[in-house]
Amino acid sequence: MVHEHCEGKDLNHPEFRALFTARNMLAGDWYSERLAAKQAFDIHLWEQNVRRLEELLEKSSYAGEAKRLGVRERLEMARKQLHQAQSPDYLGFLRGSSGAHPRKPIP
């Protein structure tokens, strides 16, 4: 559409405009891929958060600081967030968001 028309259709042509309705955009395979990428990213993020908070709690030298910072409560919240992100319902929760750009697999 560099020249504002393609195959005899301009920007205002109904067929072209229909490509960008919310219904058509949300039904696209590319959109499903973005939601799956966002779910994978969120799972990875919350797994890291859970692991780091657990590691902090394992260090006896940080016991006082962990208590002061409420690390146990934060760990409980992180586990809940991880569980939510891993749920099959999470894709429905993400529906309507922009998702995330599908990239290389998360290391």
PDB file of N, CA and C in Angstrom:
ATOM      1  N   MET A   1       0.818  -1.195   0.000  1.00  0.00           N
ATOM      2  CA  MET A   1       0.000   0.000   0.000  1.00  0.00           C
ATOM      3  C   MET A   1       0.864   1.262   0.000  1.00  0.00           C
ATOM      4  N   VAL A   2       2.043   1.155  -0.541  1.00  0.00           N
ATOM      5  CA  VAL A   2       2.927   2.313  -0.610  1.00  0.00           C
ATOM      6  C   VAL A   2       2.260   3.453  -1.371  1.00  0.00           C
ATOM      7  N   HIS A   3       1.516   3.113  -2.417  1.00  0.00           N
ATOM      8  CA  HIS A   3       0.875   4.128  -3.254  1.00  0.00           C
ATOM      9  C   HIS A   3      -0.608   4.293  -2.912  1.00  0.00           C
ATOM     10  N   GLU A   4      -0.992   3.839  -1.726  1.00  0.00           N
ATOM     11  CA  GLU A   4      -2.347   3.954  -1.201  1.00  0.00           C
ATOM     12  C   GLU A   4      -3.382   3.193  -2.020  1.00  0.00           C
ATOM     13  N   HIS A   5      -2.926   2.188  -2.753  1.00  0.00           N
ATOM     14  CA  HIS A   5      -3.856   1.292  -3.440  1.00  0.00           C
ATOM     15  C   HIS A   5      -3.128  -0.011  -3.764  1.00  0.00           C
ATOM     16  N   CYS A   6      -3.909  -1.073  -3.837  1.00  0.00           N
ATOM     17  CA  CYS A   6      -3.370  -2.395  -4.149  1.00  0.00           C
ATOM     18  C   CYS A   6      -4.485  -3.200  -4.802  1.00  0.00           C
ATOM     19  N   GLU A   7      -4.162  -3.830  -5.893  1.00  0.00           N
ATOM     20  CA  GLU A   7      -5.142  -4.647  -6.612  1.00  0.00           C
ATOM     21  C   GLU A   7      -6.439  -3.876  -6.879  1.00  0.00           C
ATOM     22  N   GLY A   8      -6.299  -2.609  -7.195  1.00  0.00           N
ATOM     23  CA  GLY A   8      -7.459  -1.785  -7.521  1.00  0.00           C
ATOM     24  C   GLY A   8      -8.263  -1.328  -6.316  1.00  0.00           C
ATOM     25  N   LYS A   9      -7.758  -1.559  -5.116  1.00  0.00           N
ATOM     26  CA  LYS A   9      -8.488  -1.171  -3.894  1.00  0.00           C
ATOM     27  C   LYS A   9      -7.671  -0.122  -3.145  1.00  0.00           C
ATOM     28  N   ASP A  10      -8.357   0.936  -2.730  1.00  0.00           N
ATOM     29  CA  ASP A  10      -7.675   1.963  -1.948  1.00  0.00           C
ATOM     30  C   ASP A  10      -7.896   1.728  -0.460  1.00  0.00           C
ATOM     31  N   LEU A  11      -7.387   2.611   0.347  1.00  0.00           N
ATOM     32  CA  LEU A  11      -7.480   2.471   1.803  1.00  0.00           C
ATOM     33  C   LEU A  11      -8.914   2.444   2.319  1.00  0.00           C
ATOM     34  N   ASN A  12      -9.834   3.012   1.585  1.00  0.00           N
ATOM     35  CA  ASN A  12     -11.231   3.065   2.019  1.00  0.00           C
ATOM     36  C   ASN A  12     -12.090   1.934   1.477  1.00  0.00           C
ATOM     37  N   HIS A  13     -11.499   1.060   0.705  1.00  0.00           N
ATOM     38  CA  HIS A  13     -12.270  -0.055   0.130  1.00  0.00           C
ATOM     39  C   HIS A  13     -12.754  -0.970   1.259  1.00  0.00           C
ATOM     40  N   PRO A  14     -14.009  -1.402   1.224  1.00  0.00           N
ATOM     41  CA  PRO A  14     -14.564  -2.241   2.298  1.00  0.00           C
ATOM     42  C   PRO A  14     -13.770  -3.528   2.559  1.00  0.00           C
ATOM     43  N   GLU A  15     -13.269  -4.165   1.515  1.00  0.00           N
ATOM     44  CA  GLU A  15     -12.492  -5.396   1.719  1.00  0.00           C
ATOM     45  C   GLU A  15     -11.199  -5.117   2.476  1.00  0.00           C
ATOM     46  N   PHE A  16     -10.550  -4.003   2.150  1.00  0.00           N
ATOM     47  CA  PHE A  16      -9.324  -3.631   2.848  1.00  0.00           C
ATOM     48  C   PHE A  16      -9.623  -3.252   4.297  1.00  0.00           C
ATOM     49  N   ARG A  17     -10.637  -2.459   4.509  1.00  0.00           N
ATOM     50  CA  ARG A  17     -10.993  -2.011   5.863  1.00  0.00           C
ATOM     51  C   ARG A  17     -11.411  -3.179   6.739  1.00  0.00           C
ATOM     52  N   ALA A  18     -12.060  -4.179   6.118  1.00  0.00           N
ATOM     53  CA  ALA A  18     -12.516  -5.353   6.878  1.00  0.00           C
ATOM     54  C   ALA A  18     -11.351  -6.126   7.493  1.00  0.00           C
ATOM     55  N   LEU A  19     -10.172  -6.025   6.900  1.00  0.00           N
ATOM     56  CA  LEU A  19      -8.998  -6.708   7.456  1.00  0.00           C
ATOM     57  C   LEU A  19      -8.666  -6.210   8.863  1.00  0.00           C
ATOM     58  N   PHE A  20      -9.089  -5.008   9.181  1.00  0.00           N
ATOM     59  CA  PHE A  20      -8.686  -4.367  10.430  1.00  0.00           C
ATOM     60  C   PHE A  20      -9.815  -4.213  11.440  1.00  0.00           C
ATOM     61  N   THR A  21     -10.890  -4.953  11.260  1.00  0.00           N
ATOM     62  CA  THR A  21     -11.930  -4.940  12.283  1.00  0.00           C
ATOM     63  C   THR A  21     -11.414  -5.723  13.481  1.00  0.00           C
ATOM     64  N   ALA A  22     -11.912  -5.405  14.652  1.00  0.00           N
ATOM     65  CA  ALA A  22     -11.470  -6.117  15.857  1.00  0.00           C
ATOM     66  C   ALA A  22     -11.712  -7.617  15.716  1.00  0.00           C
ATOM     67  N   ARG A  23     -12.833  -7.974  15.176  1.00  0.00           N
ATOM     68  CA  ARG A  23     -13.178  -9.387  15.036  1.00  0.00           C
ATOM     69  C   ARG A  23     -12.161 -10.130  14.165  1.00  0.00           C
ATOM     70  N   ASN A  24     -11.834  -9.564  13.023  1.00  0.00           N
ATOM     71  CA  ASN A  24     -10.870 -10.202  12.125  1.00  0.00           C
ATOM     72  C   ASN A  24      -9.462 -10.202  12.699  1.00  0.00           C
ATOM     73  N   MET A  25      -9.092  -9.143  13.374  1.00  0.00           N
ATOM     74  CA  MET A  25      -7.749  -9.079  13.954  1.00  0.00           C
ATOM     75  C   MET A  25      -7.607 -10.121  15.067  1.00  0.00           C
ATOM     76  N   LEU A  26      -8.617 -10.238  15.930  1.00  0.00           N
ATOM     77  CA  LEU A  26      -8.539 -11.189  17.040  1.00  0.00           C
ATOM     78  C   LEU A  26      -8.634 -12.638  16.562  1.00  0.00           C
ATOM     79  N   ALA A  27      -9.175 -12.863  15.372  1.00  0.00           N
ATOM     80  CA  ALA A  27      -9.318 -14.221  14.841  1.00  0.00           C
ATOM     81  C   ALA A  27      -8.080 -14.686  14.079  1.00  0.00           C
ATOM     82  N   GLY A  28      -7.133 -13.805  13.856  1.00  0.00           N
ATOM     83  CA  GLY A  28      -5.960 -14.153  13.057  1.00  0.00           C
ATOM     84  C   GLY A  28      -5.005 -15.102  13.766  1.00  0.00           C
ATOM     85  N   ASP A  29      -4.374 -15.981  12.977  1.00  0.00           N
ATOM     86  CA  ASP A  29      -3.359 -16.888  13.529  1.00  0.00           C
ATOM     87  C   ASP A  29      -2.208 -16.103  14.153  1.00  0.00           C
ATOM     88  N   TRP A  30      -1.840 -15.004  13.527  1.00  0.00           N
ATOM     89  CA  TRP A  30      -0.741 -14.196  14.045  1.00  0.00           C
ATOM     90  C   TRP A  30      -1.069 -13.683  15.448  1.00  0.00           C
ATOM     91  N   TYR A  31      -2.341 -13.387  15.695  1.00  0.00           N
ATOM     92  CA  TYR A  31      -2.725 -12.888  17.013  1.00  0.00           C
ATOM     93  C   TYR A  31      -2.637 -14.007  18.047  1.00  0.00           C
ATOM     94  N   SER A  32      -3.076 -15.197  17.681  1.00  0.00           N
ATOM     95  CA  SER A  32      -2.962 -16.347  18.582  1.00  0.00           C
ATOM     96  C   SER A  32      -1.497 -16.620  18.925  1.00  0.00           C
ATOM     97  N   GLU A  33      -0.626 -16.453  17.945  1.00  0.00           N
ATOM     98  CA  GLU A  33       0.811 -16.628  18.187  1.00  0.00           C
ATOM     99  C   GLU A  33       1.332 -15.584  19.167  1.00  0.00           C
ATOM    100  N   ARG A  34       0.834 -14.361  19.064  1.00  0.00           N
ATOM    101  CA  ARG A  34       1.251 -13.308  20.004  1.00  0.00           C
ATOM    102  C   ARG A  34       0.797 -13.620  21.429  1.00  0.00           C
ATOM    103  N   LEU A  35      -0.427 -14.147  21.567  1.00  0.00           N
ATOM    104  CA  LEU A  35      -0.921 -14.498  22.902  1.00  0.00           C
ATOM    105  C   LEU A  35      -0.122 -15.659  23.484  1.00  0.00           C
ATOM    106  N   ALA A  36       0.181 -16.657  22.666  1.00  0.00           N
ATOM    107  CA  ALA A  36       0.982 -17.794  23.131  1.00  0.00           C
ATOM    108  C   ALA A  36       2.382 -17.335  23.533  1.00  0.00           C
ATOM    109  N   ALA A  37       2.946 -16.402  22.778  1.00  0.00           N
ATOM    110  CA  ALA A  37       4.271 -15.871  23.115  1.00  0.00           C
ATOM    111  C   ALA A  37       4.219 -15.121  24.444  1.00  0.00           C
ATOM    112  N   LYS A  38       3.172 -14.359  24.670  1.00  0.00           N
ATOM    113  CA  LYS A  38       3.020 -13.621  25.935  1.00  0.00           C
ATOM    114  C   LYS A  38       2.871 -14.583  27.098  1.00  0.00           C
ATOM    115  N   GLN A  39       2.092 -15.659  26.901  1.00  0.00           N
ATOM    116  CA  GLN A  39       1.936 -16.643  27.961  1.00  0.00           C
ATOM    117  C   GLN A  39       3.282 -17.283  28.284  1.00  0.00           C
ATOM    118  N   ALA A  40       4.035 -17.674  27.264  1.00  0.00           N
ATOM    119  CA  ALA A  40       5.347 -18.284  27.480  1.00  0.00           C
ATOM    120  C   ALA A  40       6.278 -17.322  28.211  1.00  0.00           C
ATOM    121  N   PHE A  41       6.250 -16.060  27.829  1.00  0.00           N
ATOM    122  CA  PHE A  41       7.075 -15.045  28.490  1.00  0.00           C
ATOM    123  C   PHE A  41       6.685 -14.906  29.956  1.00  0.00           C
ATOM    124  N   ASP A  42       5.392 -14.820  30.230  1.00  0.00           N
ATOM    125  CA  ASP A  42       4.922 -14.660  31.604  1.00  0.00           C
ATOM    126  C   ASP A  42       5.266 -15.870  32.460  1.00  0.00           C
ATOM    127  N   ILE A  43       5.123 -17.066  31.911  1.00  0.00           N
ATOM    128  CA  ILE A  43       5.483 -18.283  32.649  1.00  0.00           C
ATOM    129  C   ILE A  43       6.959 -18.238  33.000  1.00  0.00           C
ATOM    130  N   HIS A  44       7.787 -17.906  32.028  1.00  0.00           N
ATOM    131  CA  HIS A  44       9.235 -17.829  32.264  1.00  0.00           C
ATOM    132  C   HIS A  44       9.554 -16.784  33.345  1.00  0.00           C
ATOM    133  N   LEU A  45       8.928 -15.641  33.262  1.00  0.00           N
ATOM    134  CA  LEU A  45       9.148 -14.574  34.237  1.00  0.00           C
ATOM    135  C   LEU A  45       8.791 -15.025  35.651  1.00  0.00           C
ATOM    136  N   TRP A  46       7.599 -15.627  35.818  1.00  0.00           N
ATOM    137  CA  TRP A  46       7.167 -16.032  37.154  1.00  0.00           C
ATOM    138  C   TRP A  46       7.959 -17.225  37.666  1.00  0.00           C
ATOM    139  N   GLU A  47       8.425 -18.102  36.777  1.00  0.00           N
ATOM    140  CA  GLU A  47       9.306 -19.194  37.222  1.00  0.00           C
ATOM    141  C   GLU A  47      10.606 -18.630  37.783  1.00  0.00           C
ATOM    142  N   GLN A  48      11.148 -17.634  37.113  1.00  0.00           N
ATOM    143  CA  GLN A  48      12.366 -16.984  37.604  1.00  0.00           C
ATOM    144  C   GLN A  48      12.120 -16.316  38.950  1.00  0.00           C
ATOM    145  N   ASN A  49      11.006 -15.606  39.062  1.00  0.00           N
ATOM    146  CA  ASN A  49      10.700 -14.922  40.321  1.00  0.00           C
ATOM    147  C   ASN A  49      10.562 -15.917  41.465  1.00  0.00           C
ATOM    148  N   VAL A  50       9.837 -17.007  41.241  1.00  0.00           N
ATOM    149  CA  VAL A  50       9.665 -18.035  42.271  1.00  0.00           C
ATOM    150  C   VAL A  50      11.021 -18.609  42.663  1.00  0.00           C
ATOM    151  N   ARG A  51      11.826 -18.975  41.666  1.00  0.00           N
ATOM    152  CA  ARG A  51      13.134 -19.573  41.944  1.00  0.00           C
ATOM    153  C   ARG A  51      14.020 -18.632  42.759  1.00  0.00           C
ATOM    154  N   ARG A  52      14.049 -17.364  42.404  1.00  0.00           N
ATOM    155  CA  ARG A  52      14.921 -16.405  43.113  1.00  0.00           C
ATOM    156  C   ARG A  52      14.437 -16.150  44.536  1.00  0.00           C
ATOM    157  N   LEU A  53      13.136 -16.091  44.721  1.00  0.00           N
ATOM    158  CA  LEU A  53      12.622 -15.901  46.079  1.00  0.00           C
ATOM    159  C   LEU A  53      12.885 -17.135  46.935  1.00  0.00           C
ATOM    160  N   GLU A  54      12.744 -18.313  46.355  1.00  0.00           N
ATOM    161  CA  GLU A  54      13.059 -19.547  47.096  1.00  0.00           C
ATOM    162  C   GLU A  54      14.533 -19.589  47.473  1.00  0.00           C
ATOM    163  N   GLU A  55      15.394 -19.186  46.549  1.00  0.00           N
ATOM    164  CA  GLU A  55      16.834 -19.155  46.836  1.00  0.00           C
ATOM    165  C   GLU A  55      17.146 -18.188  47.969  1.00  0.00           C
ATOM    166  N   LEU A  56      16.471 -17.063  47.981  1.00  0.00           N
ATOM    167  CA  LEU A  56      16.685 -16.081  49.048  1.00  0.00           C
ATOM    168  C   LEU A  56      16.269 -16.657  50.404  1.00  0.00           C
ATOM    169  N   LEU A  57      15.145 -17.364  50.433  1.00  0.00           N
ATOM    170  CA  LEU A  57      14.677 -17.954  51.693  1.00  0.00           C
ATOM    171  C   LEU A  57      15.599 -19.069  52.187  1.00  0.00           C
ATOM    172  N   GLU A  58      16.307 -19.731  51.286  1.00  0.00           N
ATOM    173  CA  GLU A  58      17.208 -20.819  51.669  1.00  0.00           C
ATOM    174  C   GLU A  58      18.470 -20.311  52.350  1.00  0.00           C
ATOM    175  N   LYS A  59      18.803 -19.048  52.170  1.00  0.00           N
ATOM    176  CA  LYS A  59      20.026 -18.474  52.751  1.00  0.00           C
ATOM    177  C   LYS A  59      19.750 -18.017  54.172  1.00  0.00           C
ATOM    178  N   SER A  60      20.280 -18.757  55.121  1.00  0.00           N
ATOM    179  CA  SER A  60      20.031 -18.433  56.528  1.00  0.00           C
ATOM    180  C   SER A  60      20.588 -17.063  56.907  1.00  0.00           C
ATOM    181  N   SER A  61      21.628 -16.629  56.227  1.00  0.00           N
ATOM    182  CA  SER A  61      22.210 -15.326  56.540  1.00  0.00           C
ATOM    183  C   SER A  61      21.293 -14.157  56.140  1.00  0.00           C
ATOM    184  N   TYR A  62      20.282 -14.433  55.335  1.00  0.00           N
ATOM    185  CA  TYR A  62      19.342 -13.399  54.909  1.00  0.00           C
ATOM    186  C   TYR A  62      17.983 -13.528  55.590  1.00  0.00           C
ATOM    187  N   ALA A  63      17.884 -14.361  56.600  1.00  0.00           N
ATOM    188  CA  ALA A  63      16.595 -14.635  57.236  1.00  0.00           C
ATOM    189  C   ALA A  63      15.921 -13.360  57.749  1.00  0.00           C
ATOM    190  N   GLY A  64      16.667 -12.520  58.424  1.00  0.00           N
ATOM    191  CA  GLY A  64      16.094 -11.280  58.956  1.00  0.00           C
ATOM    192  C   GLY A  64      15.620 -10.346  57.847  1.00  0.00           C
ATOM    193  N   GLU A  65      16.434 -10.228  56.827  1.00  0.00           N
ATOM    194  CA  GLU A  65      16.081  -9.355  55.713  1.00  0.00           C
ATOM    195  C   GLU A  65      14.888  -9.916  54.934  1.00  0.00           C
ATOM    196  N   ALA A  66      14.849 -11.227  54.771  1.00  0.00           N
ATOM    197  CA  ALA A  66      13.725 -11.865  54.074  1.00  0.00           C
ATOM    198  C   ALA A  66      12.427 -11.618  54.834  1.00  0.00           C
ATOM    199  N   LYS A  67      12.515 -11.682  56.149  1.00  0.00           N
ATOM    200  CA  LYS A  67      11.322 -11.428  56.955  1.00  0.00           C
ATOM    201  C   LYS A  67      10.894  -9.970  56.836  1.00  0.00           C
ATOM    202  N   ARG A  68      11.851  -9.068  56.917  1.00  0.00           N
ATOM    203  CA  ARG A  68      11.562  -7.635  56.821  1.00  0.00           C
ATOM    204  C   ARG A  68      10.918  -7.293  55.479  1.00  0.00           C
ATOM    205  N   LEU A  69      11.363  -7.942  54.419  1.00  0.00           N
ATOM    206  CA  LEU A  69      10.849  -7.661  53.074  1.00  0.00           C
ATOM    207  C   LEU A  69       9.596  -8.453  52.727  1.00  0.00           C
ATOM    208  N   GLY A  70       9.182  -9.336  53.626  1.00  0.00           N
ATOM    209  CA  GLY A  70       7.981 -10.127  53.358  1.00  0.00           C
ATOM    210  C   GLY A  70       8.167 -11.101  52.205  1.00  0.00           C
ATOM    211  N   VAL A  71       9.339 -11.739  52.154  1.00  0.00           N
ATOM    212  CA  VAL A  71       9.663 -12.616  51.030  1.00  0.00           C
ATOM    213  C   VAL A  71       8.723 -13.812  50.970  1.00  0.00           C
ATOM    214  N   ARG A  72       8.318 -14.351  52.098  1.00  0.00           N
ATOM    215  CA  ARG A  72       7.380 -15.488  52.064  1.00  0.00           C
ATOM    216  C   ARG A  72       6.053 -15.106  51.409  1.00  0.00           C
ATOM    217  N   GLU A  73       5.545 -13.941  51.741  1.00  0.00           N
ATOM    218  CA  GLU A  73       4.302 -13.469  51.150  1.00  0.00           C
ATOM    219  C   GLU A  73       4.481 -13.198  49.654  1.00  0.00           C
ATOM    220  N   ARG A  74       5.640 -12.633  49.308  1.00  0.00           N
ATOM    221  CA  ARG A  74       5.931 -12.370  47.901  1.00  0.00           C
ATOM    222  C   ARG A  74       6.060 -13.680  47.121  1.00  0.00           C
ATOM    223  N   LEU A  75       6.646 -14.684  47.758  1.00  0.00           N
ATOM    224  CA  LEU A  75       6.779 -15.991  47.122  1.00  0.00           C
ATOM    225  C   LEU A  75       5.401 -16.604  46.884  1.00  0.00           C
ATOM    226  N   GLU A  76       4.528 -16.487  47.855  1.00  0.00           N
ATOM    227  CA  GLU A  76       3.166 -17.012  47.703  1.00  0.00           C
ATOM    228  C   GLU A  76       2.451 -16.320  46.536  1.00  0.00           C
ATOM    229  N   MET A  77       2.600 -15.005  46.443  1.00  0.00           N
ATOM    230  CA  MET A  77       1.987 -14.253  45.345  1.00  0.00           C
ATOM    231  C   MET A  77       2.601 -14.663  44.001  1.00  0.00           C
ATOM    232  N   ALA A  78       3.905 -14.838  43.954  1.00  0.00           N
ATOM    233  CA  ALA A  78       4.580 -15.238  42.712  1.00  0.00           C
ATOM    234  C   ALA A  78       4.123 -16.626  42.272  1.00  0.00           C
ATOM    235  N   ARG A  79       3.945 -17.531  43.219  1.00  0.00           N
ATOM    236  CA  ARG A  79       3.453 -18.873  42.872  1.00  0.00           C
ATOM    237  C   ARG A  79       2.032 -18.805  42.307  1.00  0.00           C
ATOM    238  N   LYS A  80       1.205 -17.946  42.877  1.00  0.00           N
ATOM    239  CA  LYS A  80      -0.161 -17.778  42.359  1.00  0.00           C
ATOM    240  C   LYS A  80      -0.131 -17.212  40.943  1.00  0.00           C
ATOM    241  N   GLN A  81       0.729 -16.243  40.710  1.00  0.00           N
ATOM    242  CA  GLN A  81       0.854 -15.652  39.379  1.00  0.00           C
ATOM    243  C   GLN A  81       1.351 -16.699  38.369  1.00  0.00           C
ATOM    244  N   LEU A  82       2.300 -17.520  38.791  1.00  0.00           N
ATOM    245  CA  LEU A  82       2.809 -18.586  37.930  1.00  0.00           C
ATOM    246  C   LEU A  82       1.700 -19.574  37.605  1.00  0.00           C
ATOM    247  N   HIS A  83       0.962 -19.965  38.622  1.00  0.00           N
ATOM    248  CA  HIS A  83      -0.147 -20.908  38.406  1.00  0.00           C
ATOM    249  C   HIS A  83      -1.167 -20.315  37.434  1.00  0.00           C
ATOM    250  N   GLN A  84      -1.478 -19.042  37.578  1.00  0.00           N
ATOM    251  CA  GLN A  84      -2.427 -18.385  36.677  1.00  0.00           C
ATOM    252  C   GLN A  84      -1.879 -18.369  35.248  1.00  0.00           C
ATOM    253  N   ALA A  85      -0.601 -18.024  35.087  1.00  0.00           N
ATOM    254  CA  ALA A  85      -0.010 -17.953  33.745  1.00  0.00           C
ATOM    255  C   ALA A  85       0.037 -19.326  33.079  1.00  0.00           C
ATOM    256  N   GLN A  86       0.168 -20.389  33.860  1.00  0.00           N
ATOM    257  CA  GLN A  86       0.231 -21.740  33.312  1.00  0.00           C
ATOM    258  C   GLN A  86      -1.152 -22.301  32.965  1.00  0.00           C
ATOM    259  N   SER A  87      -2.176 -21.670  33.443  1.00  0.00           N
ATOM    260  CA  SER A  87      -3.540 -22.143  33.224  1.00  0.00           C
ATOM    261  C   SER A  87      -3.945 -22.011  31.754  1.00  0.00           C
ATOM    262  N   PRO A  88      -4.702 -22.986  31.240  1.00  0.00           N
ATOM    263  CA  PRO A  88      -5.223 -22.861  29.877  1.00  0.00           C
ATOM    264  C   PRO A  88      -6.139 -21.632  29.722  1.00  0.00           C
ATOM    265  N   ASP A  89      -6.745 -21.190  30.815  1.00  0.00           N
ATOM    266  CA  ASP A  89      -7.624 -20.019  30.781  1.00  0.00           C
ATOM    267  C   ASP A  89      -6.853 -18.711  30.611  1.00  0.00           C
ATOM    268  N   TYR A  90      -5.532 -18.769  30.773  1.00  0.00           N
ATOM    269  CA  TYR A  90      -4.729 -17.549  30.713  1.00  0.00           C
ATOM    270  C   TYR A  90      -4.792 -16.901  29.330  1.00  0.00           C
ATOM    271  N   LEU A  91      -4.875 -17.714  28.288  1.00  0.00           N
ATOM    272  CA  LEU A  91      -4.977 -17.142  26.939  1.00  0.00           C
ATOM    273  C   LEU A  91      -6.248 -16.309  26.811  1.00  0.00           C
ATOM    274  N   GLY A  92      -7.328 -16.763  27.428  1.00  0.00           N
ATOM    275  CA  GLY A  92      -8.564 -15.984  27.432  1.00  0.00           C
ATOM    276  C   GLY A  92      -8.399 -14.688  28.203  1.00  0.00           C
ATOM    277  N   PHE A  93      -7.644 -14.758  29.300  1.00  0.00           N
ATOM    278  CA  PHE A  93      -7.351 -13.563  30.090  1.00  0.00           C
ATOM    279  C   PHE A  93      -6.581 -12.540  29.251  1.00  0.00           C
ATOM    280  N   LEU A  94      -5.677 -13.028  28.410  1.00  0.00           N
ATOM    281  CA  LEU A  94      -4.852 -12.141  27.586  1.00  0.00           C
ATOM    282  C   LEU A  94      -5.592 -11.586  26.369  1.00  0.00           C
ATOM    283  N   ARG A  95      -6.677 -12.235  25.990  1.00  0.00           N
ATOM    284  CA  ARG A  95      -7.421 -11.849  24.783  1.00  0.00           C
ATOM    285  C   ARG A  95      -7.822 -10.377  24.861  1.00  0.00           C
ATOM    286  N   GLY A  96      -7.509  -9.652  23.839  1.00  0.00           N
ATOM    287  CA  GLY A  96      -7.779  -8.217  23.807  1.00  0.00           C
ATOM    288  C   GLY A  96      -6.522  -7.403  24.075  1.00  0.00           C
ATOM    289  N   SER A  97      -5.499  -8.057  24.634  1.00  0.00           N
ATOM    290  CA  SER A  97      -4.218  -7.375  24.835  1.00  0.00           C
ATOM    291  C   SER A  97      -3.406  -7.478  23.545  1.00  0.00           C
ATOM    292  N   SER A  98      -2.273  -6.825  23.509  1.00  0.00           N
ATOM    293  CA  SER A  98      -1.435  -6.885  22.309  1.00  0.00           C
ATOM    294  C   SER A  98      -0.565  -8.138  22.298  1.00  0.00           C
ATOM    295  N   GLY A  99      -0.550  -8.892  23.402  1.00  0.00           N
ATOM    296  CA  GLY A  99       0.264 -10.099  23.449  1.00  0.00           C
ATOM    297  C   GLY A  99       1.737  -9.737  23.455  1.00  0.00           C
ATOM    298  N   ALA A 100       2.552 -10.545  22.817  1.00  0.00           N
ATOM    299  CA  ALA A 100       3.989 -10.286  22.717  1.00  0.00           C
ATOM    300  C   ALA A 100       4.477 -10.757  21.362  1.00  0.00           C
ATOM    301  N   HIS A 101       5.526 -10.150  20.900  1.00  0.00           N
ATOM    302  CA  HIS A 101       6.088 -10.537  19.617  1.00  0.00           C
ATOM    303  C   HIS A 101       6.731 -11.919  19.748  1.00  0.00           C
ATOM    304  N   PRO A 102       6.318 -12.865  18.907  1.00  0.00           N
ATOM    305  CA  PRO A 102       6.947 -14.184  18.960  1.00  0.00           C
ATOM    306  C   PRO A 102       8.417 -14.065  18.579  1.00  0.00           C
ATOM    307  N   ARG A 103       9.262 -14.594  19.437  1.00  0.00           N
ATOM    308  CA  ARG A 103      10.709 -14.531  19.214  1.00  0.00           C
ATOM    309  C   ARG A 103      11.293 -15.911  19.301  1.00  0.00           C
ATOM    310  N   LYS A 104      12.595 -15.936  19.394  1.00  0.00           N
ATOM    311  CA  LYS A 104      13.276 -17.209  19.591  1.00  0.00           C
ATOM    312  C   LYS A 104      12.781 -17.821  20.894  1.00  0.00           C
ATOM    313  N   PRO A 105      12.910 -19.137  21.034  1.00  0.00           N
ATOM    314  CA  PRO A 105      12.509 -19.760  22.306  1.00  0.00           C
ATOM    315  C   PRO A 105      13.241 -19.123  23.483  1.00  0.00           C
ATOM    316  N   ILE A 106      12.561 -19.045  24.593  1.00  0.00           N
ATOM    317  CA  ILE A 106      13.141 -18.473  25.802  1.00  0.00           C
ATOM    318  C   ILE A 106      14.172 -19.462  26.335  1.00  0.00           C
ATOM    319  N   PRO A 107      15.384 -18.978  26.659  1.00  0.00           N
ATOM    320  CA  PRO A 107      16.435 -19.895  27.156  1.00  0.00           C
ATOM    321  C   PRO A 107      16.098 -20.504  28.495  1.00  0.00           C
TER     322      PRO A 107
END
